[in-house]
Amino acid sequence: QVQVVESGGGLVQAGGSLSLSCAATGRSFSAHYMGWFRQAPGKEREFVACISGSGRSTYYSDSVKGRFTISRDNAKSSEYLQMNDLKPEDTAVYFCAAGGLGGDNPKAYMYWGQGTQVTVSS
């Protein structure tokens, strides 16, 4: 049974940093993209970043480029999102996505976590 579990969310002041982790177990995802998406209240789920199976290719939304860094450790079946210089508009529930073809379309990913709340105060 595949399980995708995020951790690391919380409350931080603007300009601060948070690190999210995601463990995807139950099968190997080393050949597939993993990604992070987020959803703010009243808004659609939006792409944040994704990373190829090897970890050599990464892609970011324009809104987080230069501030967030995605990485993965296939030996631990995990991916990470380091978020720096956080802004109030980054406030959202962040979702880990696994088993994907890559890209910014949520439909390209097969497995999802339950999400972790990130709140950035001004």
PDB file of N, CA and C in Angstrom:
ATOM      1  N   GLN A   1       0.842  -1.185   0.000  1.00  0.00           N
ATOM      2  CA  GLN A   1       0.000   0.000   0.000  1.00  0.00           C
ATOM      3  C   GLN A   1       0.886   1.247   0.000  1.00  0.00           C
ATOM      4  N   VAL A   2       0.625   2.132  -0.932  1.00  0.00           N
ATOM      5  CA  VAL A   2       1.419   3.344  -1.032  1.00  0.00           C
ATOM      6  C   VAL A   2       0.961   4.358   0.012  1.00  0.00           C
ATOM      7  N   GLN A   3       1.935   4.936   0.681  1.00  0.00           N
ATOM      8  CA  GLN A   3       1.651   6.013   1.629  1.00  0.00           C
ATOM      9  C   GLN A   3       2.573   7.183   1.331  1.00  0.00           C
ATOM     10  N   VAL A   4       1.997   8.369   1.350  1.00  0.00           N
ATOM     11  CA  VAL A   4       2.752   9.598   1.140  1.00  0.00           C
ATOM     12  C   VAL A   4       2.450  10.511   2.322  1.00  0.00           C
ATOM     13  N   VAL A   5       3.485  10.840   3.068  1.00  0.00           N
ATOM     14  CA  VAL A   5       3.287  11.591   4.308  1.00  0.00           C
ATOM     15  C   VAL A   5       4.220  12.783   4.353  1.00  0.00           C
ATOM     16  N   GLU A   6       3.634  13.972   4.506  1.00  0.00           N
ATOM     17  CA  GLU A   6       4.417  15.195   4.635  1.00  0.00           C
ATOM     18  C   GLU A   6       4.633  15.529   6.101  1.00  0.00           C
ATOM     19  N   SER A   7       5.681  16.285   6.346  1.00  0.00           N
ATOM     20  CA  SER A   7       5.937  16.807   7.685  1.00  0.00           C
ATOM     21  C   SER A   7       6.731  18.090   7.564  1.00  0.00           C
ATOM     22  N   GLY A   8       6.711  18.880   8.634  1.00  0.00           N
ATOM     23  CA  GLY A   8       7.567  20.054   8.692  1.00  0.00           C
ATOM     24  C   GLY A   8       6.874  21.386   8.556  1.00  0.00           C
ATOM     25  N   GLY A   9       5.578  21.397   8.373  1.00  0.00           N
ATOM     26  CA  GLY A   9       4.896  22.672   8.277  1.00  0.00           C
ATOM     27  C   GLY A   9       4.862  23.388   9.610  1.00  0.00           C
ATOM     28  N   GLY A  10       4.339  24.601   9.597  1.00  0.00           N
ATOM     29  CA  GLY A  10       4.239  25.350  10.840  1.00  0.00           C
ATOM     30  C   GLY A  10       4.020  26.821  10.591  1.00  0.00           C
ATOM     31  N   LEU A  11       4.235  27.597  11.640  1.00  0.00           N
ATOM     32  CA  LEU A  11       4.046  29.047  11.598  1.00  0.00           C
ATOM     33  C   LEU A  11       5.409  29.725  11.637  1.00  0.00           C
ATOM     34  N   VAL A  12       5.607  30.681  10.748  1.00  0.00           N
ATOM     35  CA  VAL A  12       6.875  31.397  10.685  1.00  0.00           C
ATOM     36  C   VAL A  12       6.615  32.845  10.311  1.00  0.00           C
ATOM     37  N   GLN A  13       7.479  33.729  10.719  1.00  0.00           N
ATOM     38  CA  GLN A  13       7.346  35.129  10.349  1.00  0.00           C
ATOM     39  C   GLN A  13       7.879  35.349   8.934  1.00  0.00           C
ATOM     40  N   ALA A  14       7.383  36.382   8.307  1.00  0.00           N
ATOM     41  CA  ALA A  14       7.863  36.740   6.983  1.00  0.00           C
ATOM     42  C   ALA A  14       9.383  36.916   7.003  1.00  0.00           C
ATOM     43  N   GLY A  15      10.017  36.384   5.963  1.00  0.00           N
ATOM     44  CA  GLY A  15      11.473  36.416   5.903  1.00  0.00           C
ATOM     45  C   GLY A  15      12.141  35.197   6.502  1.00  0.00           C
ATOM     46  N   GLY A  16      11.369  34.386   7.174  1.00  0.00           N
ATOM     47  CA  GLY A  16      11.910  33.205   7.813  1.00  0.00           C
ATOM     48  C   GLY A  16      11.990  32.012   6.872  1.00  0.00           C
ATOM     49  N   SER A  17      12.362  30.861   7.443  1.00  0.00           N
ATOM     50  CA  SER A  17      12.558  29.639   6.658  1.00  0.00           C
ATOM     51  C   SER A  17      11.833  28.462   7.287  1.00  0.00           C
ATOM     52  N   LEU A  18      11.440  27.532   6.441  1.00  0.00           N
ATOM     53  CA  LEU A  18      10.872  26.262   6.874  1.00  0.00           C
ATOM     54  C   LEU A  18      11.357  25.185   5.926  1.00  0.00           C
ATOM     55  N   SER A  19      11.414  23.971   6.434  1.00  0.00           N
ATOM     56  CA  SER A  19      11.793  22.839   5.601  1.00  0.00           C
ATOM     57  C   SER A  19      10.711  21.783   5.680  1.00  0.00           C
ATOM     58  N   LEU A  20      10.224  21.348   4.533  1.00  0.00           N
ATOM     59  CA  LEU A  20       9.223  20.303   4.464  1.00  0.00           C
ATOM     60  C   LEU A  20       9.872  18.999   4.032  1.00  0.00           C
ATOM     61  N   SER A  21       9.345  17.906   4.549  1.00  0.00           N
ATOM     62  CA  SER A  21       9.806  16.577   4.156  1.00  0.00           C
ATOM     63  C   SER A  21       8.614  15.756   3.703  1.00  0.00           C
ATOM     64  N   CYS A  22       8.886  14.778   2.861  1.00  0.00           N
ATOM     65  CA  CYS A  22       7.835  13.885   2.379  1.00  0.00           C
ATOM     66  C   CYS A  22       8.426  12.494   2.224  1.00  0.00           C
ATOM     67  N   ALA A  23       7.790  11.531   2.846  1.00  0.00           N
ATOM     68  CA  ALA A  23       8.198  10.136   2.708  1.00  0.00           C
ATOM     69  C   ALA A  23       7.145   9.393   1.909  1.00  0.00           C
ATOM     70  N   ALA A  24       7.562   8.767   0.828  1.00  0.00           N
ATOM     71  CA  ALA A  24       6.652   8.011  -0.037  1.00  0.00           C
ATOM     72  C   ALA A  24       7.058   6.548   0.004  1.00  0.00           C
ATOM     73  N   THR A  25       6.219   5.712   0.577  1.00  0.00           N
ATOM     74  CA  THR A  25       6.562   4.313   0.776  1.00  0.00           C
ATOM     75  C   THR A  25       5.531   3.396   0.131  1.00  0.00           C
ATOM     76  N   GLY A  26       5.896   2.131   0.017  1.00  0.00           N
ATOM     77  CA  GLY A  26       4.990   1.147  -0.557  1.00  0.00           C
ATOM     78  C   GLY A  26       5.375   0.700  -1.955  1.00  0.00           C
ATOM     79  N   ARG A  27       6.196   1.481  -2.605  1.00  0.00           N
ATOM     80  CA  ARG A  27       6.735   1.114  -3.899  1.00  0.00           C
ATOM     81  C   ARG A  27       7.904   2.051  -4.185  1.00  0.00           C
ATOM     82  N   SER A  28       8.639   1.753  -5.229  1.00  0.00           N
ATOM     83  CA  SER A  28       9.762   2.611  -5.588  1.00  0.00           C
ATOM     84  C   SER A  28       9.295   3.753  -6.486  1.00  0.00           C
ATOM     85  N   PHE A  29       9.758   4.948  -6.162  1.00  0.00           N
ATOM     86  CA  PHE A  29       9.434   6.116  -6.973  1.00  0.00           C
ATOM     87  C   PHE A  29      10.670   6.697  -7.625  1.00  0.00           C
ATOM     88  N   SER A  30      11.778   5.956  -7.587  1.00  0.00           N
ATOM     89  CA  SER A  30      13.038   6.509  -8.048  1.00  0.00           C
ATOM     90  C   SER A  30      13.062   6.787  -9.543  1.00  0.00           C
ATOM     91  N   ALA A  31      12.153   6.206 -10.292  1.00  0.00           N
ATOM     92  CA  ALA A  31      12.112   6.434 -11.735  1.00  0.00           C
ATOM     93  C   ALA A  31      11.115   7.511 -12.118  1.00  0.00           C
ATOM     94  N   HIS A  32      10.460   8.102 -11.130  1.00  0.00           N
ATOM     95  CA  HIS A  32       9.395   9.057 -11.419  1.00  0.00           C
ATOM     96  C   HIS A  32       9.650  10.416 -10.775  1.00  0.00           C
ATOM     97  N   TYR A  33       9.030  11.408 -11.346  1.00  0.00           N
ATOM     98  CA  TYR A  33       9.073  12.740 -10.761  1.00  0.00           C
ATOM     99  C   TYR A  33       8.312  12.750  -9.438  1.00  0.00           C
ATOM    100  N   MET A  34       8.778  13.599  -8.555  1.00  0.00           N
ATOM    101  CA  MET A  34       8.037  13.961  -7.353  1.00  0.00           C
ATOM    102  C   MET A  34       7.870  15.471  -7.363  1.00  0.00           C
ATOM    103  N   GLY A  35       6.851  15.934  -6.686  1.00  0.00           N
ATOM    104  CA  GLY A  35       6.607  17.365  -6.725  1.00  0.00           C
ATOM    105  C   GLY A  35       5.976  17.884  -5.451  1.00  0.00           C
ATOM    106  N   TRP A  36       5.913  19.189  -5.374  1.00  0.00           N
ATOM    107  CA  TRP A  36       5.205  19.892  -4.306  1.00  0.00           C
ATOM    108  C   TRP A  36       4.187  20.819  -4.937  1.00  0.00           C
ATOM    109  N   PHE A  37       3.008  20.808  -4.388  1.00  0.00           N
ATOM    110  CA  PHE A  37       1.936  21.714  -4.765  1.00  0.00           C
ATOM    111  C   PHE A  37       1.420  22.393  -3.498  1.00  0.00           C
ATOM    112  N   ARG A  38       0.675  23.470  -3.667  1.00  0.00           N
ATOM    113  CA  ARG A  38       0.091  24.119  -2.507  1.00  0.00           C
ATOM    114  C   ARG A  38      -1.294  24.638  -2.850  1.00  0.00           C
ATOM    115  N   GLN A  39      -2.090  24.792  -1.808  1.00  0.00           N
ATOM    116  CA  GLN A  39      -3.451  25.275  -1.989  1.00  0.00           C
ATOM    117  C   GLN A  39      -3.816  26.206  -0.856  1.00  0.00           C
ATOM    118  N   ALA A  40      -4.107  27.437  -1.224  1.00  0.00           N
ATOM    119  CA  ALA A  40      -4.544  28.435  -0.250  1.00  0.00           C
ATOM    120  C   ALA A  40      -6.072  28.416  -0.179  1.00  0.00           C
ATOM    121  N   PRO A  41      -6.651  28.889   0.911  1.00  0.00           N
ATOM    122  CA  PRO A  41      -8.110  28.897   1.041  1.00  0.00           C
ATOM    123  C   PRO A  41      -8.788  29.615  -0.121  1.00  0.00           C
ATOM    124  N   GLY A  42      -9.762  28.961  -0.722  1.00  0.00           N
ATOM    125  CA  GLY A  42     -10.510  29.566  -1.807  1.00  0.00           C
ATOM    126  C   GLY A  42      -9.805  29.581  -3.147  1.00  0.00           C
ATOM    127  N   LYS A  43      -8.641  28.954  -3.198  1.00  0.00           N
ATOM    128  CA  LYS A  43      -7.888  28.942  -4.460  1.00  0.00           C
ATOM    129  C   LYS A  43      -7.656  27.504  -4.931  1.00  0.00           C
ATOM    130  N   GLU A  44      -7.303  27.373  -6.184  1.00  0.00           N
ATOM    131  CA  GLU A  44      -7.009  26.062  -6.735  1.00  0.00           C
ATOM    132  C   GLU A  44      -5.606  25.615  -6.315  1.00  0.00           C
ATOM    133  N   ARG A  45      -5.417  24.310  -6.367  1.00  0.00           N
ATOM    134  CA  ARG A  45      -4.093  23.774  -6.074  1.00  0.00           C
ATOM    135  C   ARG A  45      -3.117  24.250  -7.146  1.00  0.00           C
ATOM    136  N   GLU A  46      -1.956  24.738  -6.708  1.00  0.00           N
ATOM    137  CA  GLU A  46      -0.995  25.265  -7.656  1.00  0.00           C
ATOM    138  C   GLU A  46       0.363  24.597  -7.502  1.00  0.00           C
ATOM    139  N   PHE A  47       1.059  24.522  -8.610  1.00  0.00           N
ATOM    140  CA  PHE A  47       2.382  23.915  -8.682  1.00  0.00           C
ATOM    141  C   PHE A  47       3.399  24.779  -7.953  1.00  0.00           C
ATOM    142  N   VAL A  48       4.295  24.106  -7.220  1.00  0.00           N
ATOM    143  CA  VAL A  48       5.389  24.795  -6.550  1.00  0.00           C
ATOM    144  C   VAL A  48       6.720  24.395  -7.169  1.00  0.00           C
ATOM    145  N   ALA A  49       6.986  23.087  -7.200  1.00  0.00           N
ATOM    146  CA  ALA A  49       8.258  22.591  -7.713  1.00  0.00           C
ATOM    147  C   ALA A  49       8.155  21.111  -7.990  1.00  0.00           C
ATOM    148  N   CYS A  50       9.033  20.619  -8.865  1.00  0.00           N
ATOM    149  CA  CYS A  50       9.119  19.178  -9.079  1.00  0.00           C
ATOM    150  C   CYS A  50      10.565  18.792  -9.360  1.00  0.00           C
ATOM    151  N   ILE A  51      10.838  17.498  -9.202  1.00  0.00           N
ATOM    152  CA  ILE A  51      12.197  17.004  -9.356  1.00  0.00           C
ATOM    153  C   ILE A  51      12.155  15.652 -10.048  1.00  0.00           C
ATOM    154  N   SER A  52      13.077  15.422 -10.961  1.00  0.00           N
ATOM    155  CA  SER A  52      13.112  14.172 -11.706  1.00  0.00           C
ATOM    156  C   SER A  52      13.547  13.014 -10.808  1.00  0.00           C
ATOM    157  N   GLY A  53      13.380  11.805 -11.314  1.00  0.00           N
ATOM    158  CA  GLY A  53      13.730  10.627 -10.534  1.00  0.00           C
ATOM    159  C   GLY A  53      15.183  10.598 -10.103  1.00  0.00           C
ATOM    160  N   SER A  54      16.058  11.045 -10.974  1.00  0.00           N
ATOM    161  CA  SER A  54      17.487  11.073 -10.652  1.00  0.00           C
ATOM    162  C   SER A  54      17.859  12.234  -9.762  1.00  0.00           C
ATOM    163  N   GLY A  55      16.999  13.229  -9.726  1.00  0.00           N
ATOM    164  CA  GLY A  55      17.289  14.442  -8.967  1.00  0.00           C
ATOM    165  C   GLY A  55      18.060  15.480  -9.753  1.00  0.00           C
ATOM    166  N   ARG A  56      18.406  15.166 -10.978  1.00  0.00           N
ATOM    167  CA  ARG A  56      19.248  16.078 -11.761  1.00  0.00           C
ATOM    168  C   ARG A  56      18.458  17.228 -12.369  1.00  0.00           C
ATOM    169  N   SER A  57      17.158  17.044 -12.528  1.00  0.00           N
ATOM    170  CA  SER A  57      16.334  18.099 -13.129  1.00  0.00           C
ATOM    171  C   SER A  57      15.316  18.600 -12.111  1.00  0.00           C
ATOM    172  N   THR A  58      15.251  19.912 -11.984  1.00  0.00           N
ATOM    173  CA  THR A  58      14.282  20.535 -11.079  1.00  0.00           C
ATOM    174  C   THR A  58      13.585  21.682 -11.792  1.00  0.00           C
ATOM    175  N   TYR A  59      12.355  21.918 -11.395  1.00  0.00           N
ATOM    176  CA  TYR A  59      11.561  22.978 -11.990  1.00  0.00           C
ATOM    177  C   TYR A  59      10.796  23.690 -10.875  1.00  0.00           C
ATOM    178  N   TYR A  60      10.633  24.995 -11.033  1.00  0.00           N
ATOM    179  CA  TYR A  60       9.977  25.800 -10.010  1.00  0.00           C
ATOM    180  C   TYR A  60       8.961  26.733 -10.640  1.00  0.00           C
ATOM    181  N   SER A  61       7.942  27.069  -9.872  1.00  0.00           N
ATOM    182  CA  SER A  61       7.049  28.120 -10.301  1.00  0.00           C
ATOM    183  C   SER A  61       7.783  29.445 -10.179  1.00  0.00           C
ATOM    184  N   ASP A  62       7.367  30.414 -10.950  1.00  0.00           N
ATOM    185  CA  ASP A  62       8.023  31.721 -10.920  1.00  0.00           C
ATOM    186  C   ASP A  62       7.908  32.365  -9.541  1.00  0.00           C
ATOM    187  N   SER A  63       6.840  32.066  -8.827  1.00  0.00           N
ATOM    188  CA  SER A  63       6.602  32.717  -7.546  1.00  0.00           C
ATOM    189  C   SER A  63       7.562  32.252  -6.449  1.00  0.00           C
ATOM    190  N   VAL A  64       8.194  31.092  -6.624  1.00  0.00           N
ATOM    191  CA  VAL A  64       9.089  30.584  -5.585  1.00  0.00           C
ATOM    192  C   VAL A  64      10.532  30.453  -6.057  1.00  0.00           C
ATOM    193  N   LYS A  65      10.758  30.646  -7.335  1.00  0.00           N
ATOM    194  CA  LYS A  65      12.101  30.479  -7.892  1.00  0.00           C
ATOM    195  C   LYS A  65      13.082  31.401  -7.183  1.00  0.00           C
ATOM    196  N   GLY A  66      14.205  30.833  -6.784  1.00  0.00           N
ATOM    197  CA  GLY A  66      15.215  31.608  -6.081  1.00  0.00           C
ATOM    198  C   GLY A  66      15.047  31.622  -4.578  1.00  0.00           C
ATOM    199  N   ARG A  67      13.880  31.175  -4.088  1.00  0.00           N
ATOM    200  CA  ARG A  67      13.635  31.145  -2.640  1.00  0.00           C
ATOM    201  C   ARG A  67      13.469  29.715  -2.124  1.00  0.00           C
ATOM    202  N   PHE A  68      12.900  28.845  -2.937  1.00  0.00           N
ATOM    203  CA  PHE A  68      12.652  27.451  -2.535  1.00  0.00           C
ATOM    204  C   PHE A  68      13.619  26.528  -3.269  1.00  0.00           C
ATOM    205  N   THR A  69      13.973  25.434  -2.602  1.00  0.00           N
ATOM    206  CA  THR A  69      14.831  24.419  -3.204  1.00  0.00           C
ATOM    207  C   THR A  69      14.242  23.038  -2.958  1.00  0.00           C
ATOM    208  N   ILE A  70      14.037  22.302  -4.038  1.00  0.00           N
ATOM    209  CA  ILE A  70      13.521  20.943  -3.933  1.00  0.00           C
ATOM    210  C   ILE A  70      14.682  19.960  -4.062  1.00  0.00           C
ATOM    211  N   SER A  71      14.601  18.874  -3.318  1.00  0.00           N
ATOM    212  CA  SER A  71      15.620  17.843  -3.393  1.00  0.00           C
ATOM    213  C   SER A  71      14.970  16.503  -3.058  1.00  0.00           C
ATOM    214  N   ARG A  72      15.717  15.435  -3.278  1.00  0.00           N
ATOM    215  CA  ARG A  72      15.183  14.114  -2.959  1.00  0.00           C
ATOM    216  C   ARG A  72      16.311  13.179  -2.575  1.00  0.00           C
ATOM    217  N   ASP A  73      15.942  12.141  -1.842  1.00  0.00           N
ATOM    218  CA  ASP A  73      16.879  11.105  -1.438  1.00  0.00           C
ATOM    219  C   ASP A  73      16.190   9.773  -1.726  1.00  0.00           C
ATOM    220  N   ASN A  74      16.531   9.146  -2.833  1.00  0.00           N
ATOM    221  CA  ASN A  74      15.846   7.907  -3.230  1.00  0.00           C
ATOM    222  C   ASN A  74      16.116   6.759  -2.262  1.00  0.00           C
ATOM    223  N   ALA A  75      17.237   6.780  -1.609  1.00  0.00           N
ATOM    224  CA  ALA A  75      17.534   5.730  -0.628  1.00  0.00           C
ATOM    225  C   ALA A  75      16.555   5.780   0.541  1.00  0.00           C
ATOM    226  N   LYS A  76      16.024   6.967   0.797  1.00  0.00           N
ATOM    227  CA  LYS A  76      15.052   7.143   1.882  1.00  0.00           C
ATOM    228  C   LYS A  76      13.639   7.311   1.358  1.00  0.00           C
ATOM    229  N   SER A  77      13.467   7.158   0.042  1.00  0.00           N
ATOM    230  CA  SER A  77      12.144   7.342  -0.583  1.00  0.00           C
ATOM    231  C   SER A  77      11.519   8.660  -0.161  1.00  0.00           C
ATOM    232  N   SER A  78      12.313   9.700  -0.176  1.00  0.00           N
ATOM    233  CA  SER A  78      11.867  10.987   0.362  1.00  0.00           C
ATOM    234  C   SER A  78      12.210  12.142  -0.564  1.00  0.00           C
ATOM    235  N   GLU A  79      11.428  13.197  -0.421  1.00  0.00           N
ATOM    236  CA  GLU A  79      11.750  14.454  -1.062  1.00  0.00           C
ATOM    237  C   GLU A  79      11.619  15.560  -0.026  1.00  0.00           C
ATOM    238  N   TYR A  80      12.221  16.711  -0.358  1.00  0.00           N
ATOM    239  CA  TYR A  80      12.277  17.801   0.594  1.00  0.00           C
ATOM    240  C   TYR A  80      12.010  19.125  -0.120  1.00  0.00           C
ATOM    241  N   LEU A  81      11.564  20.102   0.652  1.00  0.00           N
ATOM    242  CA  LEU A  81      11.390  21.440   0.119  1.00  0.00           C
ATOM    243  C   LEU A  81      11.925  22.430   1.146  1.00  0.00           C
ATOM    244  N   GLN A  82      13.031  23.041   0.829  1.00  0.00           N
ATOM    245  CA  GLN A  82      13.604  24.083   1.686  1.00  0.00           C
ATOM    246  C   GLN A  82      13.033  25.418   1.235  1.00  0.00           C
ATOM    247  N   MET A  83      12.372  26.107   2.147  1.00  0.00           N
ATOM    248  CA  MET A  83      11.710  27.357   1.818  1.00  0.00           C
ATOM    249  C   MET A  83      12.360  28.481   2.595  1.00  0.00           C
ATOM    250  N   ASN A  84      12.936  29.425   1.876  1.00  0.00           N
ATOM    251  CA  ASN A  84      13.600  30.576   2.485  1.00  0.00           C
ATOM    252  C   ASN A  84      12.893  31.863   2.098  1.00  0.00           C
ATOM    253  N   ASP A  85      13.148  32.903   2.856  1.00  0.00           N
ATOM    254  CA  ASP A  85      12.558  34.219   2.578  1.00  0.00           C
ATOM    255  C   ASP A  85      11.047  34.105   2.364  1.00  0.00           C
ATOM    256  N   LEU A  86      10.404  33.440   3.275  1.00  0.00           N
ATOM    257  CA  LEU A  86       8.972  33.198   3.141  1.00  0.00           C
ATOM    258  C   LEU A  86       8.166  34.484   3.206  1.00  0.00           C
ATOM    259  N   LYS A  87       7.075  34.506   2.456  1.00  0.00           N
ATOM    260  CA  LYS A  87       6.201  35.666   2.370  1.00  0.00           C
ATOM    261  C   LYS A  87       4.791  35.262   2.799  1.00  0.00           C
ATOM    262  N   PRO A  88       3.991  36.217   3.252  1.00  0.00           N
ATOM    263  CA  PRO A  88       2.617  35.878   3.645  1.00  0.00           C
ATOM    264  C   PRO A  88       1.845  35.171   2.532  1.00  0.00           C
ATOM    265  N   GLU A  89       2.125  35.494   1.293  1.00  0.00           N
ATOM    266  CA  GLU A  89       1.418  34.857   0.180  1.00  0.00           C
ATOM    267  C   GLU A  89       1.836  33.404  -0.035  1.00  0.00           C
ATOM    268  N   ASP A  90       2.842  32.938   0.691  1.00  0.00           N
ATOM    269  CA  ASP A  90       3.215  31.521   0.649  1.00  0.00           C
ATOM    270  C   ASP A  90       2.333  30.679   1.574  1.00  0.00           C
ATOM    271  N   THR A  91       1.505  31.334   2.355  1.00  0.00           N
ATOM    272  CA  THR A  91       0.621  30.619   3.267  1.00  0.00           C
ATOM    273  C   THR A  91      -0.332  29.716   2.495  1.00  0.00           C
ATOM    274  N   ALA A  92      -0.317  28.443   2.839  1.00  0.00           N
ATOM    275  CA  ALA A  92      -1.135  27.453   2.129  1.00  0.00           C
ATOM    276  C   ALA A  92      -0.934  26.090   2.776  1.00  0.00           C
ATOM    277  N   VAL A  93      -1.739  25.142   2.353  1.00  0.00           N
ATOM    278  CA  VAL A  93      -1.473  23.742   2.661  1.00  0.00           C
ATOM    279  C   VAL A  93      -0.577  23.213   1.545  1.00  0.00           C
ATOM    280  N   TYR A  94       0.536  22.619   1.933  1.00  0.00           N
ATOM    281  CA  TYR A  94       1.498  22.106   0.966  1.00  0.00           C
ATOM    282  C   TYR A  94       1.342  20.591   0.840  1.00  0.00           C
ATOM    283  N   PHE A  95       1.261  20.141  -0.404  1.00  0.00           N
ATOM    284  CA  PHE A  95       1.042  18.725  -0.692  1.00  0.00           C
ATOM    285  C   PHE A  95       2.242  18.134  -1.414  1.00  0.00           C
ATOM    286  N   CYS A  96       2.603  16.946  -1.006  1.00  0.00           N
ATOM    287  CA  CYS A  96       3.628  16.173  -1.689  1.00  0.00           C
ATOM    288  C   CYS A  96       2.956  15.290  -2.731  1.00  0.00           C
ATOM    289  N   ALA A  97       3.547  15.215  -3.908  1.00  0.00           N
ATOM    290  CA  ALA A  97       3.014  14.382  -4.985  1.00  0.00           C
ATOM    291  C   ALA A  97       4.104  13.433  -5.460  1.00  0.00           C
ATOM    292  N   ALA A  98       3.733  12.181  -5.695  1.00  0.00           N
ATOM    293  CA  ALA A  98       4.708  11.178  -6.097  1.00  0.00           C
ATOM    294  C   ALA A  98       4.193  10.370  -7.293  1.00  0.00           C
ATOM    295  N   GLY A  99       5.112   9.660  -7.933  1.00  0.00           N
ATOM    296  CA  GLY A  99       4.721   8.817  -9.058  1.00  0.00           C
ATOM    297  C   GLY A  99       4.267   9.622 -10.243  1.00  0.00           C
ATOM    298  N   GLY A 100       4.994  10.708 -10.536  1.00  0.00           N
ATOM    299  CA  GLY A 100       4.549  11.606 -11.571  1.00  0.00           C
ATOM    300  C   GLY A 100       5.374  11.590 -12.841  1.00  0.00           C
ATOM    301  N   LEU A 101       4.787  12.207 -13.859  1.00  0.00           N
ATOM    302  CA  LEU A 101       5.462  12.374 -15.137  1.00  0.00           C
ATOM    303  C   LEU A 101       6.196  13.712 -15.204  1.00  0.00           C
ATOM    304  N   GLY A 102       6.031  14.507 -14.138  1.00  0.00           N
ATOM    305  CA  GLY A 102       6.647  15.819 -14.117  1.00  0.00           C
ATOM    306  C   GLY A 102       5.695  16.902 -14.561  1.00  0.00           C
ATOM    307  N   GLY A 103       6.120  18.138 -14.424  1.00  0.00           N
ATOM    308  CA  GLY A 103       5.309  19.245 -14.877  1.00  0.00           C
ATOM    309  C   GLY A 103       4.428  19.826 -13.795  1.00  0.00           C
ATOM    310  N   ASP A 104       3.616  20.814 -14.211  1.00  0.00           N
ATOM    311  CA  ASP A 104       2.835  21.567 -13.245  1.00  0.00           C
ATOM    312  C   ASP A 104       1.372  21.162 -13.170  1.00  0.00           C
ATOM    313  N   ASN A 105       1.011  20.088 -13.844  1.00  0.00           N
ATOM    314  CA  ASN A 105      -0.377  19.629 -13.812  1.00  0.00           C
ATOM    315  C   ASN A 105      -0.559  18.576 -12.716  1.00  0.00           C
ATOM    316  N   PRO A 106      -1.424  18.848 -11.747  1.00  0.00           N
ATOM    317  CA  PRO A 106      -1.619  17.870 -10.674  1.00  0.00           C
ATOM    318  C   PRO A 106      -2.035  16.491 -11.185  1.00  0.00           C
ATOM    319  N   LYS A 107      -2.709  16.451 -12.309  1.00  0.00           N
ATOM    320  CA  LYS A 107      -3.177  15.169 -12.851  1.00  0.00           C
ATOM    321  C   LYS A 107      -2.036  14.274 -13.321  1.00  0.00           C
ATOM    322  N   ALA A 108      -0.844  14.820 -13.418  1.00  0.00           N
ATOM    323  CA  ALA A 108       0.319  14.038 -13.855  1.00  0.00           C
ATOM    324  C   ALA A 108       0.941  13.240 -12.728  1.00  0.00           C
ATOM    325  N   TYR A 109       0.406  13.363 -11.519  1.00  0.00           N
ATOM    326  CA  TYR A 109       0.964  12.675 -10.353  1.00  0.00           C
ATOM    327  C   TYR A 109      -0.065  11.701  -9.796  1.00  0.00           C
ATOM    328  N   MET A 110       0.410  10.499  -9.462  1.00  0.00           N
ATOM    329  CA  MET A 110      -0.514   9.440  -9.065  1.00  0.00           C
ATOM    330  C   MET A 110      -0.854   9.445  -7.580  1.00  0.00           C
ATOM    331  N   TYR A 111       0.120   9.790  -6.745  1.00  0.00           N
ATOM    332  CA  TYR A 111      -0.075   9.647  -5.304  1.00  0.00           C
ATOM    333  C   TYR A 111       0.126  10.977  -4.603  1.00  0.00           C
ATOM    334  N   TRP A 112      -0.683  11.196  -3.571  1.00  0.00           N
ATOM    335  CA  TRP A 112      -0.680  12.471  -2.860  1.00  0.00           C
ATOM    336  C   TRP A 112      -0.693  12.254  -1.352  1.00  0.00           C
ATOM    337  N   GLY A 113      -0.032  13.162  -0.660  1.00  0.00           N
ATOM    338  CA  GLY A 113      -0.128  13.184   0.784  1.00  0.00           C
ATOM    339  C   GLY A 113      -1.346  13.979   1.223  1.00  0.00           C
ATOM    340  N   GLN A 114      -1.537  14.031   2.529  1.00  0.00           N
ATOM    341  CA  GLN A 114      -2.691  14.739   3.092  1.00  0.00           C
ATOM    342  C   GLN A 114      -2.441  16.232   3.225  1.00  0.00           C
ATOM    343  N   GLY A 115      -1.206  16.638   3.129  1.00  0.00           N
ATOM    344  CA  GLY A 115      -0.893  18.054   3.196  1.00  0.00           C
ATOM    345  C   GLY A 115      -0.399  18.485   4.563  1.00  0.00           C
ATOM    346  N   THR A 116       0.384  19.539   4.575  1.00  0.00           N
ATOM    347  CA  THR A 116       0.881  20.129   5.811  1.00  0.00           C
ATOM    348  C   THR A 116       0.731  21.651   5.706  1.00  0.00           C
ATOM    349  N   GLN A 117       0.247  22.250   6.783  1.00  0.00           N
ATOM    350  CA  GLN A 117      -0.045  23.686   6.765  1.00  0.00           C
ATOM    351  C   GLN A 117       1.228  24.501   6.960  1.00  0.00           C
ATOM    352  N   VAL A 118       1.387  25.493   6.113  1.00  0.00           N
ATOM    353  CA  VAL A 118       2.453  26.486   6.261  1.00  0.00           C
ATOM    354  C   VAL A 118       1.779  27.852   6.380  1.00  0.00           C
ATOM    355  N   THR A 119       2.059  28.543   7.462  1.00  0.00           N
ATOM    356  CA  THR A 119       1.484  29.857   7.695  1.00  0.00           C
ATOM    357  C   THR A 119       2.606  30.860   7.905  1.00  0.00           C
ATOM    358  N   VAL A 120       2.578  31.921   7.112  1.00  0.00           N
ATOM    359  CA  VAL A 120       3.598  32.958   7.195  1.00  0.00           C
ATOM    360  C   VAL A 120       2.927  34.243   7.662  1.00  0.00           C
ATOM    361  N   SER A 121       3.347  34.727   8.802  1.00  0.00           N
ATOM    362  CA  SER A 121       2.751  35.943   9.358  1.00  0.00           C
ATOM    363  C   SER A 121       3.558  37.163   8.913  1.00  0.00           C
ATOM    364  N   SER A 122       2.856  38.270   8.768  1.00  0.00           N
ATOM    365  CA  SER A 122       3.523  39.508   8.308  1.00  0.00           C
ATOM    366  C   SER A 122       4.023  40.322   9.468  1.00  0.00           C
TER     367      SER A 122
END
